């Protein structure tokens, strides 16, 4: 069907833009620092501002999408993202660029939160595993190709072109927006006070985690403020029919266990992504280029195995069992990378990373499918927002844990300890998935409001 095809292209292209802009700017930081006359430390805010806005905006974007309409909110986010990309390309100084990147992250939030919900209204129930598998493939390939694409652009043009290339893609996707489904909006009021508390909670969490080790006097109070804001947000939202923090969805045991498993496995992924470059460069003496090539099998295996896992789930294979197998394979790959002797060189590391990538693909797609399909259709936006929040929470926790390990352990052993920690988190995610393997995978379609 042309409409379904165009809707899928619109969502996948939007998600690819968001993922590429997370990965592509990192490689350009030295060029930006020199061009804008800014210090390297200040230039890092080009990346941090985008991440901060994205994590602060995902849950409010999901609530706004359900309230005002998924298609309208997705298109508004895409338009804001595209305009902010133009502002980034035209930035005369670092302050302008950081502000434009923050706005770009705000625009990216509804694209990440609502894309999968829109596809749920475009595809039949029996095809959602396949669609979520495609989404995992797009995210994995975007993450893998982002630095390479950025380096290729910088080899022939200046850093503003990293953002200017978003414009034709963004405009094209906006032209396809009418192919997106338009399910009825709930019209429920979105509480500005809850949005402010959400922003404070996640903003303080990210900045506090970043400063916790380098400047505890600032970092620890920020983390305490984050915890206080989260408590206040839950108390404010408790008892509402469709809360900003989807407490109603978390009451569903299958959904709740999927969220916990997701946090565990994304924490494992981040621990591995941080530990491996140190192990490969410092332990094995590889160059930066060789390190990147050695790590590439991980996302490639996610891209290959994710769609296959989705097809298996669509055909009735237990999602909980697939997630348990995936978590176990991820754990085995990370554990193998941790115990391999450094004297054997990098080649034995490749099978370990292939196993880890295959495991993550087997886990992620059925887990996300269960999170989406175990709740009513009317709450698909909130489910998408919670998927993004679980991912970012796990990645933040994994990054913070690695920071603590590097501060507390010798530099030579910290990466291996980090890989072992990641293996433990992945195994925990797999075990949590087993708890729901016997439960019906898709009970929500018969619930009120699922039409």
Protein backbone atom coordinates (compact mmCIF):
# COMPACT_ATOMS: atom_id res chain seq x y z
CA UNK A 1 0.00 0.00 0.00
CA UNK A 2 1.53 3.36 -1.05
CA UNK A 3 0.17 5.18 2.02
CA UNK A 4 1.65 2.63 4.43
CA UNK A 5 4.95 2.65 2.53
CA UNK A 6 5.17 6.46 2.62
CA UNK A 7 4.28 6.53 6.31
CA UNK A 8 7.02 4.02 7.05
CA UNK A 9 9.55 6.04 5.03
CA UNK A 10 8.53 9.24 6.84
CA UNK A 11 9.01 7.71 10.27
CA UNK A 12 12.22 5.82 9.46
CA UNK A 13 13.79 8.86 7.81
CA UNK A 14 12.90 11.03 10.80
CA UNK A 15 14.39 8.55 13.24
CA UNK A 16 17.53 8.28 11.09
CA UNK A 17 17.94 12.07 11.20
CA UNK A 18 17.71 12.07 14.99
CA UNK A 19 20.20 9.22 15.40
CA UNK A 20 22.69 10.65 12.90
CA UNK A 21 22.61 14.03 14.60
CA UNK A 22 23.41 12.31 17.90
CA UNK A 23 26.47 10.63 16.40
CA UNK A 24 27.63 12.88 13.59
CA UNK A 25 28.52 16.00 15.60
CA UNK A 26 31.07 14.25 17.84
CA UNK A 27 33.64 13.93 15.08
CA UNK A 28 33.34 17.63 14.20
CA UNK A 29 34.03 19.04 17.69
CA UNK A 30 37.71 19.82 16.99
CA UNK A 31 36.77 21.63 13.75
CA UNK A 32 34.04 23.59 15.54
CA UNK A 33 36.44 24.53 18.33
CA UNK A 34 38.98 25.93 15.86
CA UNK A 35 36.42 27.63 13.63
CA UNK A 36 34.44 29.29 16.43
CA UNK A 37 37.42 30.12 18.64
CA UNK A 38 36.01 28.13 21.57
CA UNK A 39 37.72 25.82 24.02
CA UNK A 40 37.27 22.06 23.54
CA UNK A 41 35.48 21.83 26.90
CA UNK A 42 32.96 24.50 25.86
CA UNK A 43 32.48 22.91 22.45
CA UNK A 44 31.30 19.66 24.06
CA UNK A 45 28.08 21.53 24.83
CA UNK A 46 27.20 21.16 21.15
CA UNK A 47 26.64 17.47 21.91
CA UNK A 48 25.40 17.86 25.49
CA UNK A 49 22.70 20.44 24.66
CA UNK A 50 21.14 18.12 22.07
CA UNK A 51 21.18 15.11 24.40
CA UNK A 52 19.81 17.16 27.29
CA UNK A 53 16.88 18.53 25.30
CA UNK A 54 16.07 15.09 23.93
CA UNK A 55 15.95 13.37 27.31
CA UNK A 56 13.94 16.23 28.84
CA UNK A 57 11.46 16.27 25.99
CA UNK A 58 10.55 12.63 25.31
CA UNK A 59 7.82 12.10 27.93
CA UNK A 60 6.19 15.54 27.42
CA UNK A 61 6.29 14.95 23.65
CA UNK A 62 4.48 11.64 24.11
CA UNK A 63 1.78 13.26 26.26
CA UNK A 64 1.38 16.18 23.86
CA UNK A 65 1.12 13.77 20.95
CA UNK A 66 -1.70 11.83 22.56
CA UNK A 67 -3.47 15.05 23.55
CA UNK A 68 -3.20 17.06 20.31
CA UNK A 69 -2.72 14.28 17.75
CA UNK A 70 0.19 12.02 16.84
CA UNK A 71 0.58 13.20 13.25
CA UNK A 72 0.33 16.89 14.07
CA UNK A 73 2.83 16.61 16.91
CA UNK A 74 5.29 14.50 14.89
CA UNK A 75 5.16 16.97 11.99
CA UNK A 76 5.60 19.93 14.36
CA UNK A 77 8.67 18.29 15.89
CA UNK A 78 10.10 17.54 12.45
CA UNK A 79 9.53 21.14 11.30
CA UNK A 80 11.22 22.48 14.44
CA UNK A 81 14.12 20.04 13.98
CA UNK A 82 14.58 21.14 10.34
CA UNK A 83 14.46 24.86 11.16
CA UNK A 84 16.91 24.35 14.03
CA UNK A 85 19.22 22.47 11.64
CA UNK A 86 19.28 25.56 9.41
CA UNK A 87 20.04 27.71 12.47
CA UNK A 88 22.91 25.37 13.37
CA UNK A 89 24.36 25.63 9.86
CA UNK A 90 24.19 29.45 10.00
CA UNK A 91 25.49 29.79 13.58
CA UNK A 92 28.02 32.67 13.84
CA UNK A 93 29.25 31.62 17.28
CA UNK A 94 29.22 28.87 19.86
CA UNK A 95 26.36 30.32 21.93
CA UNK A 96 24.08 30.43 18.89
CA UNK A 97 25.09 26.89 17.91
CA UNK A 98 24.48 25.44 21.38
CA UNK A 99 21.07 27.16 21.59
CA UNK A 100 20.12 25.88 18.13
CA UNK A 101 21.23 22.36 19.09
CA UNK A 102 19.01 22.51 22.19
CA UNK A 103 16.03 23.52 20.02
CA UNK A 104 16.95 20.75 17.60
CA UNK A 105 16.81 18.26 20.48
CA UNK A 106 13.36 19.55 21.48
CA UNK A 107 12.20 18.94 17.91
CA UNK A 108 13.76 15.47 17.90
CA UNK A 109 11.82 14.38 21.01
CA UNK A 110 8.40 13.91 19.35
CA UNK A 111 10.07 12.21 16.39
CA UNK A 112 11.60 9.59 18.70
CA UNK A 113 8.59 9.29 21.01
CA UNK A 114 5.78 9.16 18.43
CA UNK A 115 7.29 7.45 15.41
CA UNK A 116 6.63 3.90 16.53
CA UNK A 117 3.11 4.85 17.71
CA UNK A 118 2.31 6.18 14.22
CA UNK A 119 3.53 2.93 12.68
CA UNK A 120 1.28 0.97 15.03
CA UNK A 121 -1.68 2.74 13.45
CA UNK A 122 -0.27 2.13 9.94
CA UNK A 123 0.51 -1.60 10.16
CA UNK A 124 -1.59 -4.60 11.21
CA UNK A 125 -0.80 -6.22 14.54
CA UNK A 126 0.86 -9.22 12.88
CA UNK A 127 3.48 -7.06 11.17
CA UNK A 128 4.65 -4.93 14.09
CA UNK A 129 7.62 -7.16 14.95
CA UNK A 130 8.93 -6.70 11.42
CA UNK A 131 8.46 -2.92 11.60
CA UNK A 132 10.17 -2.62 14.98
CA UNK A 133 12.99 -4.74 13.55
CA UNK A 134 13.40 -2.26 10.70
CA UNK A 135 13.47 0.55 13.25
CA UNK A 136 16.23 -1.22 15.19
CA UNK A 137 18.15 -1.66 11.94
CA UNK A 138 17.86 2.06 11.12
CA UNK A 139 19.02 3.07 14.61
CA UNK A 140 21.94 0.62 14.56
CA UNK A 141 23.12 1.62 11.09
CA UNK A 142 22.72 5.31 11.91
CA UNK A 143 24.81 4.92 15.06
CA UNK A 144 27.46 2.93 13.20
CA UNK A 145 27.65 5.17 10.14
CA UNK A 146 27.31 8.54 11.91
CA UNK A 147 30.99 9.13 12.68
CA UNK A 148 32.05 7.84 9.25
CA UNK A 149 29.50 10.03 7.48
CA UNK A 150 30.60 13.02 9.53
CA UNK A 151 34.24 12.44 8.68
CA UNK A 152 33.38 12.07 4.98
CA UNK A 153 31.50 15.38 4.93
CA UNK A 154 34.30 17.17 6.80
CA UNK A 155 36.82 15.90 4.27
CA UNK A 156 35.14 17.96 1.50
CA UNK A 157 33.23 20.71 3.36
CA UNK A 158 33.04 22.66 6.61
CA UNK A 159 31.15 21.60 9.74
CA UNK A 160 28.00 23.67 8.92
CA UNK A 161 27.25 21.14 6.18
CA UNK A 162 26.77 18.47 8.86
CA UNK A 163 23.53 20.27 9.71
CA UNK A 164 22.66 21.64 6.28
CA UNK A 165 22.25 18.11 4.88
CA UNK A 166 19.25 17.70 7.21
CA UNK A 167 17.27 20.30 5.26
CA UNK A 168 16.39 18.37 2.07
CA UNK A 169 15.61 15.23 4.06
CA UNK A 170 13.48 17.14 6.58
CA UNK A 171 11.55 18.96 3.86
CA UNK A 172 10.95 15.71 1.96
CA UNK A 173 9.60 13.99 5.06
CA UNK A 174 7.35 16.97 5.78
CA UNK A 175 5.88 16.57 2.30
CA UNK A 176 5.08 12.94 3.19
CA UNK A 177 3.36 13.83 6.47
CA UNK A 178 -0.16 13.43 5.03
CA UNK A 179 0.56 9.74 4.53
CA UNK A 180 0.90 9.36 8.30
CA UNK A 181 -2.19 8.06 10.14
CA UNK A 182 -4.24 10.51 12.16
CA UNK A 183 -5.86 8.65 15.08
CA UNK A 184 -8.25 10.68 17.23
CA UNK A 185 -6.56 12.94 19.77
CA UNK A 186 -7.57 12.52 23.40
CA UNK A 187 -7.82 16.25 24.06
CA UNK A 188 -6.63 15.72 27.63
CA UNK A 189 -4.92 18.69 29.24
CA UNK A 190 -1.15 18.44 29.58
CA UNK A 191 -0.08 19.87 32.93
CA UNK A 192 2.65 22.58 32.55
CA UNK A 193 3.71 21.97 36.16
CA UNK A 194 4.38 18.31 35.42
CA UNK A 195 6.36 19.25 32.30
CA UNK A 196 8.50 21.61 34.41
CA UNK A 197 9.11 18.91 37.04
CA UNK A 198 9.99 16.41 34.30
CA UNK A 199 12.49 18.86 32.79
CA UNK A 200 14.03 19.52 36.20
CA UNK A 201 14.25 15.82 37.02
CA UNK A 202 15.94 14.73 33.81
CA UNK A 203 17.99 17.89 33.41
CA UNK A 204 19.44 17.56 36.91
CA UNK A 205 19.96 13.83 36.39
CA UNK A 206 22.03 14.23 33.20
CA UNK A 207 24.08 17.21 34.40
CA UNK A 208 24.49 15.71 37.88
CA UNK A 209 25.71 12.39 36.47
CA UNK A 210 28.17 14.29 34.27
CA UNK A 211 29.57 16.24 37.25
CA UNK A 212 29.29 13.58 39.95
CA UNK A 213 32.89 12.41 39.62
CA UNK A 214 34.65 15.51 38.33
CA UNK A 215 32.95 17.94 40.70
CA UNK A 216 31.00 16.14 43.45
CA UNK A 217 30.19 19.40 45.24
CA UNK A 218 28.02 20.31 42.25
CA UNK A 219 27.11 16.86 40.95
CA UNK A 220 25.74 15.28 44.11
CA UNK A 221 23.29 18.13 44.92
CA UNK A 222 22.08 18.00 41.32
CA UNK A 223 21.42 14.27 41.63
CA UNK A 224 19.57 14.89 44.91
CA UNK A 225 17.51 17.61 43.21
CA UNK A 226 16.73 15.16 40.39
CA UNK A 227 15.48 12.55 42.86
CA UNK A 228 13.32 15.16 44.62
CA UNK A 229 11.85 16.33 41.31
CA UNK A 230 11.05 12.74 40.29
CA UNK A 231 9.26 12.11 43.60
CA UNK A 232 7.28 15.35 43.25
CA UNK A 233 6.39 14.46 39.65
CA UNK A 234 5.10 10.99 40.57
CA UNK A 235 3.05 12.40 43.46
CA UNK A 236 1.58 15.09 41.21
CA UNK A 237 0.71 12.63 38.43
CA UNK A 238 -0.54 9.76 40.59
CA UNK A 239 -4.19 8.92 40.02
CA UNK A 240 -4.51 10.68 36.66
CA UNK A 241 -6.02 8.77 33.77
CA UNK A 242 -3.08 9.41 31.41
CA UNK A 243 -0.18 10.73 33.49
CA UNK A 244 2.94 12.31 31.99
CA UNK A 245 4.97 9.56 33.62
CA UNK A 246 2.91 6.56 32.43
CA UNK A 247 2.18 5.08 35.85
CA UNK A 248 -0.96 3.48 34.43
CA UNK A 249 1.14 1.52 31.93
CA UNK A 250 3.70 0.54 34.56
CA UNK A 251 0.86 -1.12 36.48
CA UNK A 252 0.80 -3.67 33.64
CA UNK A 253 3.29 -6.35 34.77
CA UNK A 254 4.36 -7.30 31.23
CA UNK A 255 5.04 -3.67 30.30
CA UNK A 256 6.83 -2.99 33.60
CA UNK A 257 9.14 -5.99 33.24
CA UNK A 258 9.98 -4.94 29.68
CA UNK A 259 10.94 -1.48 30.92
CA UNK A 260 13.20 -2.93 33.64
CA UNK A 261 14.82 -5.32 31.16
CA UNK A 262 15.36 -2.46 28.72
CA UNK A 263 17.12 -0.33 31.33
CA UNK A 264 19.39 -3.28 32.19
CA UNK A 265 20.37 -4.10 28.61
CA UNK A 266 20.89 -0.50 27.51
CA UNK A 267 23.05 -0.05 30.61
CA UNK A 268 25.05 -3.09 29.45
CA UNK A 269 25.32 -1.64 25.94
CA UNK A 270 26.66 1.69 27.20
CA UNK A 271 29.13 0.01 29.57
CA UNK A 272 30.43 -2.00 26.62
CA UNK A 273 30.59 0.98 24.25
CA UNK A 274 32.65 2.95 26.79
CA UNK A 275 34.90 0.12 27.97
CA UNK A 276 35.78 -1.35 24.56
CA UNK A 277 37.63 1.68 23.07
CA UNK A 278 39.85 1.86 26.16
CA UNK A 279 40.54 -1.86 26.03
CA UNK A 280 41.23 -1.86 22.29
CA UNK A 281 43.37 1.29 22.21
CA UNK A 282 45.20 1.12 25.55
CA UNK A 283 45.23 -2.62 26.11
CA UNK A 284 45.75 -3.84 22.54
CA UNK A 285 47.45 -0.75 21.11
CA UNK A 286 45.03 -0.21 18.22
CA UNK A 287 44.66 3.11 16.41
CA UNK A 288 41.41 5.07 16.57
CA UNK A 289 40.50 3.92 13.04
CA UNK A 290 41.27 0.28 13.82
CA UNK A 291 39.24 0.54 17.03
CA UNK A 292 36.23 1.82 15.11
CA UNK A 293 36.53 -0.97 12.56
CA UNK A 294 36.88 -3.56 15.32
CA UNK A 295 33.70 -2.32 17.02
CA UNK A 296 31.63 -2.10 13.83
CA UNK A 297 30.49 -5.78 13.93
CA UNK A 298 28.36 -5.01 17.00
CA UNK A 299 25.91 -2.55 15.36
CA UNK A 300 25.98 -4.49 12.10
CA UNK A 301 24.81 -7.62 13.90
CA UNK A 302 22.06 -5.60 15.60
CA UNK A 303 20.95 -4.44 12.14
CA UNK A 304 20.97 -8.02 10.82
CA UNK A 305 19.40 -9.82 13.78
CA UNK A 306 16.81 -7.22 14.80
CA UNK A 307 14.47 -7.73 11.83
CA UNK A 308 14.79 -11.52 12.13
CA UNK A 309 13.84 -11.36 15.81
CA UNK A 310 10.82 -9.25 14.86
CA UNK A 311 9.67 -11.81 12.30
CA UNK A 312 10.00 -14.62 14.85
CA UNK A 313 7.93 -12.65 17.36
CA UNK A 314 5.26 -11.97 14.72
CA UNK A 315 5.06 -15.71 14.04
CA UNK A 316 4.25 -16.47 17.66
CA UNK A 317 7.66 -17.28 19.13
CA UNK A 318 7.67 -16.20 22.78
CA UNK A 319 8.97 -12.64 23.04
CA UNK A 320 10.09 -13.23 26.60
CA UNK A 321 12.11 -16.26 25.52
CA UNK A 322 13.69 -14.36 22.60
CA UNK A 323 14.64 -11.54 24.98
CA UNK A 324 16.11 -14.02 27.47
CA UNK A 325 18.21 -15.64 24.74
CA UNK A 326 19.28 -12.22 23.48
CA UNK A 327 20.24 -10.98 26.94
CA UNK A 328 22.22 -14.16 27.55
CA UNK A 329 24.09 -13.81 24.23
CA UNK A 330 24.84 -10.15 24.99
CA UNK A 331 26.14 -11.14 28.40
CA UNK A 332 28.26 -13.95 26.92
CA UNK A 333 29.77 -11.63 24.31
CA UNK A 334 30.71 -9.00 26.89
CA UNK A 335 32.06 -11.61 29.31
CA UNK A 336 34.15 -13.18 26.54
CA UNK A 337 35.57 -9.77 25.61
CA UNK A 338 36.46 -9.21 29.28
CA UNK A 339 38.43 -12.46 29.72
CA UNK A 340 40.23 -12.70 26.37
CA UNK A 341 44.01 -12.38 26.86
CA UNK A 342 45.41 -9.19 25.39
CA UNK A 343 48.41 -11.10 24.01
CA UNK A 344 46.19 -12.71 21.36
CA UNK A 345 45.55 -9.39 19.60
CA UNK A 346 42.24 -7.97 18.35
CA UNK A 347 41.02 -10.80 16.11
CA UNK A 348 39.58 -12.98 18.92
CA UNK A 349 37.57 -9.92 19.97
CA UNK A 350 35.53 -9.98 16.74
CA UNK A 351 33.50 -13.13 17.59
CA UNK A 352 32.78 -11.69 21.04
CA UNK A 353 31.41 -8.46 19.53
CA UNK A 354 29.44 -10.37 16.90
CA UNK A 355 27.82 -12.38 19.70
CA UNK A 356 27.10 -9.24 21.72
CA UNK A 357 25.54 -7.48 18.72
CA UNK A 358 23.42 -10.51 17.82
CA UNK A 359 22.24 -10.76 21.42
CA UNK A 360 21.31 -7.08 21.59
CA UNK A 361 19.33 -7.36 18.34
CA UNK A 362 17.52 -10.47 19.58
CA UNK A 363 16.67 -8.71 22.83
CA UNK A 364 15.77 -5.20 21.74
CA UNK A 365 13.17 -5.85 19.05
CA UNK A 366 10.92 -8.36 20.91
CA UNK A 367 11.25 -6.28 24.08
CA UNK A 368 10.15 -3.07 22.32
CA UNK A 369 7.39 -5.00 20.57
CA UNK A 370 6.06 -6.22 23.90
CA UNK A 371 6.20 -2.71 25.39
CA UNK A 372 4.11 -1.43 22.50
CA UNK A 373 1.68 -4.33 22.06
CA UNK A 374 0.94 -5.00 25.74
CA UNK A 375 -0.92 -1.69 26.16
CA UNK A 376 -3.97 -0.12 24.46
CA UNK A 377 -3.50 1.58 21.11
CA UNK A 378 -4.70 4.86 22.55
CA UNK A 379 -1.61 4.89 24.81
CA UNK A 380 0.90 4.08 22.06
CA UNK A 381 2.45 7.53 22.31
CA UNK A 382 3.13 7.06 26.01
CA UNK A 383 4.62 3.62 25.30
CA UNK A 384 6.97 5.15 22.72
CA UNK A 385 7.97 7.83 25.20
CA UNK A 386 8.67 5.21 27.84
CA UNK A 387 10.78 3.21 25.39
CA UNK A 388 12.98 6.24 24.82
CA UNK A 389 13.13 7.05 28.51
CA UNK A 390 14.15 3.48 29.43
CA UNK A 391 16.87 3.58 26.79
CA UNK A 392 18.27 6.91 27.99
CA UNK A 393 18.01 5.90 31.65
CA UNK A 394 19.96 2.71 30.98
CA UNK A 395 22.60 4.52 28.95
CA UNK A 396 23.00 7.18 31.65
CA UNK A 397 23.32 4.53 34.36
CA UNK A 398 25.86 2.57 32.31
CA UNK A 399 27.91 5.70 31.66
CA UNK A 400 27.87 6.73 35.30
CA UNK A 401 28.88 3.23 36.42
CA UNK A 402 31.82 3.29 34.01
CA UNK A 403 32.87 6.67 35.34
CA UNK A 404 32.89 5.28 38.87
CA UNK A 405 34.95 2.28 37.73
CA UNK A 406 37.53 4.46 36.00
CA UNK A 407 37.80 6.60 39.14
CA UNK A 408 38.09 3.68 41.55
CA UNK A 409 40.02 0.99 39.62
CA UNK A 410 43.43 0.98 37.90
CA UNK A 411 43.28 2.15 34.28
CA UNK A 412 44.44 -1.25 33.03
CA UNK A 413 41.64 -3.20 34.74
CA UNK A 414 38.72 -0.73 34.63
CA UNK A 415 37.67 -1.61 31.03
CA UNK A 416 37.56 -5.33 31.79
CA UNK A 417 35.59 -4.67 34.97
CA UNK A 418 33.22 -2.54 32.91
CA UNK A 419 32.67 -5.34 30.43
CA UNK A 420 32.01 -7.74 33.32
CA UNK A 421 29.52 -5.24 34.76
CA UNK A 422 27.83 -5.02 31.36
CA UNK A 423 27.63 -8.80 31.19
CA UNK A 424 25.93 -8.87 34.59
CA UNK A 425 23.40 -6.20 33.56
CA UNK A 426 22.62 -8.02 30.30
CA UNK A 427 22.11 -11.30 32.12
CA UNK A 428 19.79 -9.53 34.57
CA UNK A 429 17.79 -8.15 31.63
CA UNK A 430 17.47 -11.64 30.18
CA UNK A 431 16.35 -13.10 33.50
CA UNK A 432 13.76 -10.36 33.97
CA UNK A 433 12.43 -11.18 30.49
CA UNK A 434 11.92 -14.79 31.54
CA UNK A 435 9.46 -13.60 34.19
CA UNK A 436 7.05 -12.51 31.45
CA UNK A 437 7.76 -15.29 28.94
CA UNK A 438 4.71 -17.28 30.06
CA UNK A 439 2.36 -14.29 30.01
CA UNK A 440 0.22 -13.41 26.96
CA UNK A 441 2.31 -11.11 24.77
CA UNK A 442 -0.49 -8.95 23.37
CA UNK A 443 -3.44 -8.64 25.74
CA UNK A 444 -4.02 -4.98 25.18
CA UNK A 445 -5.88 -5.17 21.89
CA UNK A 446 -8.99 -6.35 23.67
CA UNK A 447 -8.90 -3.59 26.28
CA UNK A 448 -11.18 -0.61 26.15
CA UNK A 449 -9.70 2.21 24.16
CA UNK A 450 -7.51 0.01 21.99
CA UNK A 451 -9.46 0.59 18.84
